[in-house]
Amino acid sequence: MKRKTSASKPSAAGISFEQLATFSTLARLGKQAAARAALGKSQSQISRDLAALERGLGGALLFDRDSRRPTAAGAVLAEYAEEALAGLERTRARLADAGHASGILKLAVAPELFYWPLLPALAAARRRLPDVQIEAALLPSIEIARRLRDGDVDLGLLRQTPSSARLHGRPFLKARLYAAVPARWSVSQRRQLSLQVVKEHRLLAPPPQTVVRELVDAAFRKQRLRNVSLSEIDVSRTTALTAAEAELGIALLLCFDETADPLINDAPQTVRLTADGPQLS
């Protein structure tokens, strides 16, 4: 009398992600030649991966030997293999975020965007990714766009995405205009300040061709307010706050709300200037 044999039990210890990737690629592409090209493996290597995977799953047949299509067991595995491989990629991404990435990140920044939020962001990136060498350079926006297209830098921070199908951009920081009003001036007690009211006071702003000056000019143009007299000051926010505290005028400067910008705490007399509305609020 013959003894009845039973299939071996599945053993996860005998399964590797490489075997799952081989199976998943073959199941998705359907042809051995295409799978070999995608995986960079020989026919014998693919066969060894599949055989080891079937043994790890207790001898389950994953592909029909005649049609080369996944069996019922193979169809079940295909679903979970994709989930497992996707989970592996998410894990790798999380580990990279946790500081296990390595290599060189070439970063190019437009000088007009090198404001307060970027400095601690770079410092935080260096702490989180100690094995990544971050090479940051200050370059004109046109040069950044060229280097991005040529692949000479990995990431560029500039005012707007260049018009190129080869470049993709997304918002990084949103800045608001603020007016630093001397605390002893009566105008600082108003809950709202119209641009017309601000126009009647001494205004301090950076020189032309700077981000702050462009936003200031756009705000008054939108309200059709002309003959606005501006006294030019240094582009630094420290200078702007110091000038306002010395009662030299109302200083116009940038603030970054979403980055816990300390400007609000450092200058309690600051009120917001919106470039797209009729009021300072």
Foldseek 3Di string as FASTA:
>chain_A
DDDDDDFDAAAPVLADLVLLVLLLLCQVVVDPVSSCVVVVDDPVVSVVSPVSNCVNRRNDDQADPVSRHGDPVVVVSNVVSVVVVVVVVVVVVVVVQQAPDAEEAEEEEAVLPPDDLVVVVVVVVCVRHVRYHYHYYHDHPVVQLVCVQVVVGDYYHDDDDDPDPSDDDDDDFDKFKKKQAAPPDPVLPDPKAFPVNQQVKAEEEADPPHPQVVLVVLLCVVVVHDPRDYDHDDQHVVRQNVCNNVVVIIYMHIDTVVSVGCPCVVRVSMWTDGSPDRMTD
